Amino acid sequence: MNRYGYMAVFAGALLLSGCSEARSPQGAAPSPQQESPSDPPAESPDAVPDEEVAAEEERDQESDQPSDEKPDEENAPDEGMPPTAEEAAVTVLRALKSGDMEAVAAWAHPEKGVRFSPYAYVDLENDQTLSREELTEAMSRDTARVWGHFAGSGHVIEMPYAEYHKQFVYDARFLEDAEVHVNQFIGKGTTVNNLNEVYPEKTHDYVEFYIDGVDPQYEGLDWRSLRLVFEKNDMDRSLVGIVHDEWTP
């Protein structure tokens, strides 16, 4: 083989070697640079993380549980707006039971005050009438007043208001034990009842708290009634009379 033949063979060998390096052999593992990590699966746009689902379920469970929060008792009204006659009477009765005369005074008629009658007959000449200011101070005043006459004996009822309150206002468990009647007389004794004459039905409401007996041994002869009289003022009402009643000889 001449010189030119060797040169041709050598050139062909070099060409074959270059082509082998340019191609990757089949089945060979890719280089680290060629490997690409697999992408995580794409999340659905509607998918919600597990933490948010758990929090939502917890909120739903809490909403199903009864609330321990108490209503604002301080601002809760004792009666409607405007109050009915019975609602107003129960509020006043509660104040009378506790001796809270400031609360009673708040219900009193601003000009007429409140007239106190120890028995069913309302005596326009002799019954005591207390203004709002006098009501506020009534329990602390020691000054004796003449409130009328005891039924039967005819003796003068002369005492401070605090004593009169015990005997002729809140002298039984009216708030706890009484029947409540609006514009209806239940307790009826021998004393003339002129309430509707003094306080006409057209302009007044009265609420009677009636107890049919205090001590069973008297078989109902010791019944008690307390009538709270309100004057109607448009949609409101003002306390104008407190009439006590009981069995009289």
C-alpha atoms as a PDB file:
ATOM      1  CA  MET A   1       0.000   0.000   0.000  1.00  0.00           C
ATOM      2  CA  ASN A   2       1.441   3.292  -1.032  1.00  0.00           C
ATOM      3  CA  ARG A   3       1.651   6.447   1.052  1.00  0.00           C
ATOM      4  CA  TYR A   4      -1.610   7.783  -0.205  1.00  0.00           C
ATOM      5  CA  GLY A   5      -3.474   4.614   0.745  1.00  0.00           C
ATOM      6  CA  TYR A   6      -2.295   4.818   4.411  1.00  0.00           C
ATOM      7  CA  MET A   7      -3.362   8.401   4.624  1.00  0.00           C
ATOM      8  CA  ALA A   8      -6.855   7.555   3.357  1.00  0.00           C
ATOM      9  CA  VAL A   9      -7.277   4.729   5.939  1.00  0.00           C
ATOM     10  CA  PHE A  10      -6.051   6.967   8.789  1.00  0.00           C
ATOM     11  CA  ALA A  11      -8.495   9.777   7.822  1.00  0.00           C
ATOM     12  CA  GLY A  12     -11.414   7.326   7.733  1.00  0.00           C
ATOM     13  CA  ALA A  13     -10.556   6.058  11.250  1.00  0.00           C
ATOM     14  CA  LEU A  14     -10.535   9.559  12.673  1.00  0.00           C
ATOM     15  CA  LEU A  15     -13.915  10.283  11.072  1.00  0.00           C
ATOM     16  CA  LEU A  16     -15.508   7.160  12.582  1.00  0.00           C
ATOM     17  CA  SER A  17     -14.117   7.980  16.054  1.00  0.00           C
ATOM     18  CA  GLY A  18     -15.655  11.509  16.014  1.00  0.00           C
ATOM     19  CA  CYS A  19     -19.086  10.223  15.061  1.00  0.00           C
ATOM     20  CA  SER A  20     -19.050   7.662  17.891  1.00  0.00           C
ATOM     21  CA  GLU A  21     -18.418  10.339  20.533  1.00  0.00           C
ATOM     22  CA  ALA A  22     -21.147  12.611  19.141  1.00  0.00           C
ATOM     23  CA  ARG A  23     -23.848   9.919  19.582  1.00  0.00           C
ATOM     24  CA  SER A  24     -24.943   8.555  22.976  1.00  0.00           C
ATOM     25  CA  PRO A  25     -25.142   4.848  23.009  1.00  0.00           C
ATOM     26  CA  GLN A  26     -28.609   3.308  23.398  1.00  0.00           C
ATOM     27  CA  GLY A  27     -29.521   2.372  27.022  1.00  0.00           C
ATOM     28  CA  ALA A  28     -26.908   4.661  28.554  1.00  0.00           C
ATOM     29  CA  ALA A  29     -27.955   6.685  31.645  1.00  0.00           C
ATOM     30  CA  PRO A  30     -28.212  10.437  31.085  1.00  0.00           C
ATOM     31  CA  SER A  31     -25.728  12.686  32.719  1.00  0.00           C
ATOM     32  CA  PRO A  32     -26.652  14.506  35.906  1.00  0.00           C
ATOM     33  CA  GLN A  33     -26.987  17.730  33.963  1.00  0.00           C
ATOM     34  CA  GLN A  34     -29.552  16.125  31.671  1.00  0.00           C
ATOM     35  CA  GLU A  35     -31.742  14.777  34.501  1.00  0.00           C
ATOM     36  CA  SER A  36     -34.716  16.971  35.463  1.00  0.00           C
ATOM     37  CA  PRO A  37     -36.656  16.342  38.665  1.00  0.00           C
ATOM     38  CA  SER A  38     -40.245  15.339  38.193  1.00  0.00           C
ATOM     39  CA  ASP A  39     -42.654  18.277  38.705  1.00  0.00           C
ATOM     40  CA  PRO A  40     -45.204  17.922  41.534  1.00  0.00           C
ATOM     41  CA  PRO A  41     -48.779  17.329  40.408  1.00  0.00           C
ATOM     42  CA  ALA A  42     -50.624  20.543  39.744  1.00  0.00           C
ATOM     43  CA  GLU A  43     -53.184  21.381  42.451  1.00  0.00           C
ATOM     44  CA  SER A  44     -56.769  21.902  41.513  1.00  0.00           C
ATOM     45  CA  PRO A  45     -57.819  25.566  41.790  1.00  0.00           C
ATOM     46  CA  ASP A  46     -60.734  24.462  44.049  1.00  0.00           C
ATOM     47  CA  ALA A  47     -58.556  22.487  46.437  1.00  0.00           C
ATOM     48  CA  VAL A  48     -58.494  23.740  50.059  1.00  0.00           C
ATOM     49  CA  PRO A  49     -55.528  23.072  52.366  1.00  0.00           C
ATOM     50  CA  ASP A  50     -56.197  20.573  55.142  1.00  0.00           C
ATOM     51  CA  GLU A  51     -55.509  23.232  57.812  1.00  0.00           C
ATOM     52  CA  GLU A  52     -58.251  25.514  56.455  1.00  0.00           C
ATOM     53  CA  VAL A  53     -60.750  22.633  56.287  1.00  0.00           C
ATOM     54  CA  ALA A  54     -60.027  21.707  59.906  1.00  0.00           C
ATOM     55  CA  ALA A  55     -60.402  25.316  61.039  1.00  0.00           C
ATOM     56  CA  GLU A  56     -63.731  25.674  59.213  1.00  0.00           C
ATOM     57  CA  GLU A  57     -65.074  22.472  60.813  1.00  0.00           C
ATOM     58  CA  GLU A  58     -64.014  23.715  64.242  1.00  0.00           C
ATOM     59  CA  ARG A  59     -65.852  27.019  63.686  1.00  0.00           C
ATOM     60  CA  ASP A  60     -68.989  25.142  62.608  1.00  0.00           C
ATOM     61  CA  GLN A  61     -68.879  23.011  65.756  1.00  0.00           C
ATOM     62  CA  GLU A  62     -68.498  26.077  67.949  1.00  0.00           C
ATOM     63  CA  SER A  63     -71.443  27.791  66.283  1.00  0.00           C
ATOM     64  CA  ASP A  64     -73.637  24.773  67.070  1.00  0.00           C
ATOM     65  CA  GLN A  65     -72.868  25.017  70.774  1.00  0.00           C
ATOM     66  CA  PRO A  66     -75.146  27.182  72.999  1.00  0.00           C
ATOM     67  CA  SER A  67     -73.566  30.489  73.933  1.00  0.00           C
ATOM     68  CA  ASP A  68     -72.593  31.074  77.554  1.00  0.00           C
ATOM     69  CA  GLU A  69     -72.737  34.834  77.056  1.00  0.00           C
ATOM     70  CA  LYS A  70     -75.450  36.435  79.155  1.00  0.00           C
ATOM     71  CA  PRO A  71     -77.661  39.263  77.912  1.00  0.00           C
ATOM     72  CA  ASP A  72     -76.941  42.763  79.142  1.00  0.00           C
ATOM     73  CA  GLU A  73     -79.146  42.594  82.245  1.00  0.00           C
ATOM     74  CA  GLU A  74     -78.339  46.163  83.220  1.00  0.00           C
ATOM     75  CA  ASN A  75     -79.888  47.539  80.035  1.00  0.00           C
ATOM     76  CA  ALA A  76     -82.698  45.006  79.793  1.00  0.00           C
ATOM     77  CA  PRO A  77     -86.004  46.782  80.359  1.00  0.00           C
ATOM     78  CA  ASP A  78     -88.449  45.561  82.995  1.00  0.00           C
ATOM     79  CA  GLU A  79     -91.368  46.402  80.733  1.00  0.00           C
ATOM     80  CA  GLY A  80     -92.234  47.085  77.153  1.00  0.00           C
ATOM     81  CA  MET A  81     -92.065  50.462  75.471  1.00  0.00           C
ATOM     82  CA  PRO A  82     -94.597  51.751  76.209  1.00  0.00           C
ATOM     83  CA  PRO A  83     -95.400  49.417  79.143  1.00  0.00           C
ATOM     84  CA  THR A  84     -98.772  47.805  79.634  1.00  0.00           C
ATOM     85  CA  ALA A  85    -100.647  48.537  82.856  1.00  0.00           C
ATOM     86  CA  GLU A  86     -99.660  45.161  84.278  1.00  0.00           C
ATOM     87  CA  GLU A  87     -95.991  45.582  83.362  1.00  0.00           C
ATOM     88  CA  ALA A  88     -95.915  49.009  84.988  1.00  0.00           C
ATOM     89  CA  ALA A  89     -97.674  47.701  88.095  1.00  0.00           C
ATOM     90  CA  VAL A  90     -95.290  44.776  88.533  1.00  0.00           C
ATOM     91  CA  THR A  91     -92.316  47.141  88.245  1.00  0.00           C
ATOM     92  CA  VAL A  92     -93.771  49.451  90.893  1.00  0.00           C
ATOM     93  CA  LEU A  93     -94.694  46.501  93.122  1.00  0.00           C
ATOM     94  CA  ARG A  94     -91.125  45.236  92.976  1.00  0.00           C
ATOM     95  CA  ALA A  95     -89.922  48.646  94.126  1.00  0.00           C
ATOM     96  CA  LEU A  96     -92.498  48.724  96.942  1.00  0.00           C
ATOM     97  CA  LYS A  97     -91.393  45.310  98.158  1.00  0.00           C
ATOM     98  CA  SER A  98     -87.764  46.415  98.406  1.00  0.00           C
ATOM     99  CA  GLY A  99     -88.651  49.840  99.800  1.00  0.00           C
ATOM    100  CA  ASP A 100     -87.038  51.570  96.832  1.00  0.00           C
ATOM    101  CA  MET A 101     -89.083  54.757  96.972  1.00  0.00           C
ATOM    102  CA  GLU A 102     -86.885  56.522  94.443  1.00  0.00           C
ATOM    103  CA  ALA A 103     -88.042  53.980  91.866  1.00  0.00           C
ATOM    104  CA  VAL A 104     -91.641  54.506  92.970  1.00  0.00           C
ATOM    105  CA  ALA A 105     -91.187  58.276  92.701  1.00  0.00           C
ATOM    106  CA  ALA A 106     -89.981  57.872  89.119  1.00  0.00           C
ATOM    107  CA  TRP A 107     -93.416  56.466  88.257  1.00  0.00           C
ATOM    108  CA  ALA A 108     -95.371  59.070  90.224  1.00  0.00           C
ATOM    109  CA  HIS A 109     -97.392  61.705  88.433  1.00  0.00           C
ATOM    110  CA  PRO A 110     -95.121  64.777  88.204  1.00  0.00           C
ATOM    111  CA  GLU A 111     -97.893  67.165  89.301  1.00  0.00           C
ATOM    112  CA  LYS A 112    -100.492  65.117  91.157  1.00  0.00           C
ATOM    113  CA  GLY A 113     -98.171  62.825  93.079  1.00  0.00           C
ATOM    114  CA  VAL A 114     -99.500  59.572  94.580  1.00  0.00           C
ATOM    115  CA  ARG A 115    -102.528  59.293  96.875  1.00  0.00           C
ATOM    116  CA  PHE A 116    -102.476  56.590  99.590  1.00  0.00           C
ATOM    117  CA  SER A 117    -105.734  54.970 100.709  1.00  0.00           C
ATOM    118  CA  PRO A 118    -105.595  52.440 103.588  1.00  0.00           C
ATOM    119  CA  TYR A 119    -108.924  50.866 102.583  1.00  0.00           C
ATOM    120  CA  ALA A 120    -111.098  50.541  99.468  1.00  0.00           C
ATOM    121  CA  TYR A 121    -112.772  53.890  99.959  1.00  0.00           C
ATOM    122  CA  VAL A 122    -110.679  56.703  98.479  1.00  0.00           C
ATOM    123  CA  ASP A 123    -111.106  59.703 100.778  1.00  0.00           C
ATOM    124  CA  LEU A 124    -110.293  62.818  98.781  1.00  0.00           C
ATOM    125  CA  GLU A 125    -110.236  64.985 101.910  1.00  0.00           C
ATOM    126  CA  ASN A 126    -108.204  62.884 104.330  1.00  0.00           C
ATOM    127  CA  ASP A 127    -106.007  60.512 102.302  1.00  0.00           C
ATOM    128  CA  GLN A 128    -102.356  61.538 102.157  1.00  0.00           C
ATOM    129  CA  THR A 129    -100.837  62.493  98.807  1.00  0.00           C
ATOM    130  CA  LEU A 130     -97.062  62.494  98.425  1.00  0.00           C
ATOM    131  CA  SER A 131     -95.149  64.324  95.723  1.00  0.00           C
ATOM    132  CA  ARG A 132     -92.191  62.826  93.928  1.00  0.00           C
ATOM    133  CA  GLU A 133     -89.759  64.549  96.276  1.00  0.00           C
ATOM    134  CA  GLU A 134     -91.692  63.424  99.359  1.00  0.00           C
ATOM    135  CA  LEU A 135     -91.798  59.845  98.068  1.00  0.00           C
ATOM    136  CA  THR A 136     -88.042  59.792  97.602  1.00  0.00           C
ATOM    137  CA  GLU A 137     -87.483  60.720 101.259  1.00  0.00           C
ATOM    138  CA  ALA A 138     -90.498  58.888 102.706  1.00  0.00           C
ATOM    139  CA  MET A 139     -88.690  55.902 104.219  1.00  0.00           C
ATOM    140  CA  SER A 140     -86.147  58.052 106.052  1.00  0.00           C
ATOM    141  CA  ARG A 141     -88.605  60.614 107.448  1.00  0.00           C
ATOM    142  CA  ASP A 142     -89.740  60.130 111.061  1.00  0.00           C
ATOM    143  CA  THR A 143     -92.538  62.668 110.812  1.00  0.00           C
ATOM    144  CA  ALA A 144     -95.924  61.102 111.587  1.00  0.00           C
ATOM    145  CA  ARG A 145     -98.841  61.680 109.239  1.00  0.00           C
ATOM    146  CA  VAL A 146    -102.554  61.017 109.644  1.00  0.00           C
ATOM    147  CA  TRP A 147    -103.471  58.487 106.964  1.00  0.00           C
ATOM    148  CA  GLY A 148    -107.107  57.923 107.900  1.00  0.00           C
ATOM    149  CA  HIS A 149    -108.895  55.787 110.498  1.00  0.00           C
ATOM    150  CA  PHE A 150    -108.668  52.128 111.409  1.00  0.00           C
ATOM    151  CA  ALA A 151    -111.690  50.154 110.274  1.00  0.00           C
ATOM    152  CA  GLY A 152    -113.750  48.936 113.211  1.00  0.00           C
ATOM    153  CA  SER A 153    -112.125  50.926 116.013  1.00  0.00           C
ATOM    154  CA  GLY A 154    -112.172  54.249 114.205  1.00  0.00           C
ATOM    155  CA  HIS A 155    -108.846  55.189 115.752  1.00  0.00           C
ATOM    156  CA  VAL A 156    -106.644  57.571 113.841  1.00  0.00           C
ATOM    157  CA  ILE A 157    -103.942  56.026 111.698  1.00  0.00           C
ATOM    158  CA  GLU A 158    -101.064  58.296 112.674  1.00  0.00           C
ATOM    159  CA  MET A 159     -97.548  57.095 111.946  1.00  0.00           C
ATOM    160  CA  PRO A 160     -94.476  57.758 109.782  1.00  0.00           C
ATOM    161  CA  TYR A 161     -94.614  56.495 106.245  1.00  0.00           C
ATOM    162  CA  ALA A 162     -92.248  53.574 106.920  1.00  0.00           C
ATOM    163  CA  GLU A 163     -94.726  52.156 109.443  1.00  0.00           C
ATOM    164  CA  TYR A 164     -97.702  52.849 107.192  1.00  0.00           C
ATOM    165  CA  HIS A 165     -95.845  51.051 104.393  1.00  0.00           C
ATOM    166  CA  LYS A 166     -95.618  47.878 106.531  1.00  0.00           C
ATOM    167  CA  GLN A 167     -99.285  47.916 107.548  1.00  0.00           C
ATOM    168  CA  PHE A 168    -101.133  49.373 104.557  1.00  0.00           C
ATOM    169  CA  VAL A 169     -98.930  49.050 101.483  1.00  0.00           C
ATOM    170  CA  TYR A 170     -96.741  45.960 101.309  1.00  0.00           C
ATOM    171  CA  ASP A 171     -98.249  43.952 104.181  1.00  0.00           C
ATOM    172  CA  ALA A 172     -98.349  40.580 102.373  1.00  0.00           C
ATOM    173  CA  ARG A 173     -96.387  38.619  99.769  1.00  0.00           C
ATOM    174  CA  PHE A 174     -98.057  40.340  96.844  1.00  0.00           C
ATOM    175  CA  LEU A 175     -95.194  39.884  94.401  1.00  0.00           C
ATOM    176  CA  GLU A 176     -94.919  36.144  95.081  1.00  0.00           C
ATOM    177  CA  ASP A 177     -98.441  34.982  95.998  1.00  0.00           C
ATOM    178  CA  ALA A 178    -100.990  37.371  94.522  1.00  0.00           C
ATOM    179  CA  GLU A 179    -103.356  36.933  91.615  1.00  0.00           C
ATOM    180  CA  VAL A 180    -103.030  39.794  89.145  1.00  0.00           C
ATOM    181  CA  HIS A 181    -106.107  41.411  87.596  1.00  0.00           C
ATOM    182  CA  VAL A 182    -106.297  44.469  85.354  1.00  0.00           C
ATOM    183  CA  ASN A 183    -109.324  46.758  85.766  1.00  0.00           C
ATOM    184  CA  GLN A 184    -111.170  44.111  87.752  1.00  0.00           C
ATOM    185  CA  PHE A 185    -112.069  44.056  91.459  1.00  0.00           C
ATOM    186  CA  ILE A 186    -111.503  40.740  93.222  1.00  0.00           C
ATOM    187  CA  GLY A 187    -111.215  41.580  96.910  1.00  0.00           C
ATOM    188  CA  LYS A 188    -114.594  42.749  98.188  1.00  0.00           C
ATOM    189  CA  GLY A 189    -115.301  43.720 101.774  1.00  0.00           C
ATOM    190  CA  THR A 190    -117.812  45.856 103.626  1.00  0.00           C
ATOM    191  CA  THR A 191    -116.024  49.119 102.838  1.00  0.00           C
ATOM    192  CA  VAL A 192    -117.484  51.119  99.947  1.00  0.00           C
ATOM    193  CA  ASN A 193    -115.271  50.908  96.868  1.00  0.00           C
ATOM    194  CA  ASN A 194    -115.361  54.212  94.974  1.00  0.00           C
ATOM    195  CA  LEU A 195    -112.179  53.767  92.964  1.00  0.00           C
ATOM    196  CA  ASN A 196    -113.850  54.108  89.564  1.00  0.00           C
ATOM    197  CA  GLU A 197    -115.522  57.325  90.661  1.00  0.00           C
ATOM    198  CA  VAL A 198    -112.279  58.967  91.738  1.00  0.00           C
ATOM    199  CA  TYR A 199    -110.208  57.434  88.944  1.00  0.00           C
ATOM    200  CA  PRO A 200    -112.500  57.163  85.874  1.00  0.00           C
ATOM    201  CA  GLU A 201    -111.901  54.165  83.638  1.00  0.00           C
ATOM    202  CA  LYS A 202    -111.647  56.354  80.555  1.00  0.00           C
ATOM    203  CA  THR A 203    -108.460  58.008  81.792  1.00  0.00           C
ATOM    204  CA  HIS A 204    -107.133  55.452  84.286  1.00  0.00           C
ATOM    205  CA  ASP A 205    -106.096  51.811  84.610  1.00  0.00           C
ATOM    206  CA  TYR A 206    -105.728  49.934  87.866  1.00  0.00           C
ATOM    207  CA  VAL A 207    -104.047  46.640  88.588  1.00  0.00           C
ATOM    208  CA  GLU A 208    -105.179  44.583  91.583  1.00  0.00           C
ATOM    209  CA  PHE A 209    -102.860  42.159  93.363  1.00  0.00           C
ATOM    210  CA  TYR A 210    -105.103  39.844  95.358  1.00  0.00           C
ATOM    211  CA  ILE A 211    -104.265  37.195  97.959  1.00  0.00           C
ATOM    212  CA  ASP A 212    -107.216  35.069  99.087  1.00  0.00           C
ATOM    213  CA  GLY A 213    -105.773  34.440 102.528  1.00  0.00           C
ATOM    214  CA  VAL A 214    -102.573  34.876 104.489  1.00  0.00           C
ATOM    215  CA  ASP A 215    -103.110  32.458 107.404  1.00  0.00           C
ATOM    216  CA  PRO A 216    -105.141  29.267 106.749  1.00  0.00           C
ATOM    217  CA  GLN A 217    -106.674  29.334 110.242  1.00  0.00           C
ATOM    218  CA  TYR A 218    -108.741  32.391 109.281  1.00  0.00           C
ATOM    219  CA  GLU A 219    -110.231  30.594 106.263  1.00  0.00           C
ATOM    220  CA  GLY A 220    -109.873  33.508 103.881  1.00  0.00           C
ATOM    221  CA  LEU A 221    -111.047  36.271 106.206  1.00  0.00           C
ATOM    222  CA  ASP A 222    -107.538  37.737 106.124  1.00  0.00           C
ATOM    223  CA  TRP A 223    -107.498  38.312 102.367  1.00  0.00           C
ATOM    224  CA  ARG A 224    -105.484  41.244 101.026  1.00  0.00           C
ATOM    225  CA  SER A 225    -105.635  43.450  97.956  1.00  0.00           C
ATOM    226  CA  LEU A 226    -103.302  46.128  96.705  1.00  0.00           C
ATOM    227  CA  ARG A 227    -104.502  48.247  93.806  1.00  0.00           C
ATOM    228  CA  LEU A 228    -102.070  50.391  91.856  1.00  0.00           C
ATOM    229  CA  VAL A 229    -103.804  53.134  89.862  1.00  0.00           C
ATOM    230  CA  PHE A 230    -102.239  54.705  86.767  1.00  0.00           C
ATOM    231  CA  GLU A 231    -103.344  57.737  84.818  1.00  0.00           C
ATOM    232  CA  LYS A 232    -103.057  57.325  81.071  1.00  0.00           C
ATOM    233  CA  ASN A 233    -100.852  59.918  79.403  1.00  0.00           C
ATOM    234  CA  ASP A 234    -101.071  59.310  75.664  1.00  0.00           C
ATOM    235  CA  MET A 235     -98.889  56.205  75.217  1.00  0.00           C
ATOM    236  CA  ASP A 236     -97.428  56.418  78.726  1.00  0.00           C
ATOM    237  CA  ARG A 237     -98.890  56.181  82.230  1.00  0.00           C
ATOM    238  CA  SER A 238     -98.198  57.692  85.670  1.00  0.00           C
ATOM    239  CA  LEU A 239     -98.854  56.283  89.132  1.00  0.00           C
ATOM    240  CA  VAL A 240    -101.503  58.344  90.951  1.00  0.00           C
ATOM    241  CA  GLY A 241    -102.951  56.022  93.581  1.00  0.00           C
ATOM    242  CA  ILE A 242    -102.047  53.140  95.906  1.00  0.00           C
ATOM    243  CA  VAL A 243    -105.202  51.634  97.414  1.00  0.00           C
ATOM    244  CA  HIS A 244    -104.911  48.943 100.083  1.00  0.00           C
ATOM    245  CA  ASP A 245    -107.887  46.742 100.917  1.00  0.00           C
ATOM    246  CA  GLU A 246    -108.715  43.927 103.317  1.00  0.00           C
ATOM    247  CA  TRP A 247    -111.599  42.376 105.197  1.00  0.00           C
ATOM    248  CA  THR A 248    -113.248  44.917 107.511  1.00  0.00           C
ATOM    249  CA  PRO A 249    -115.917  44.370 110.218  1.00  0.00           C
END
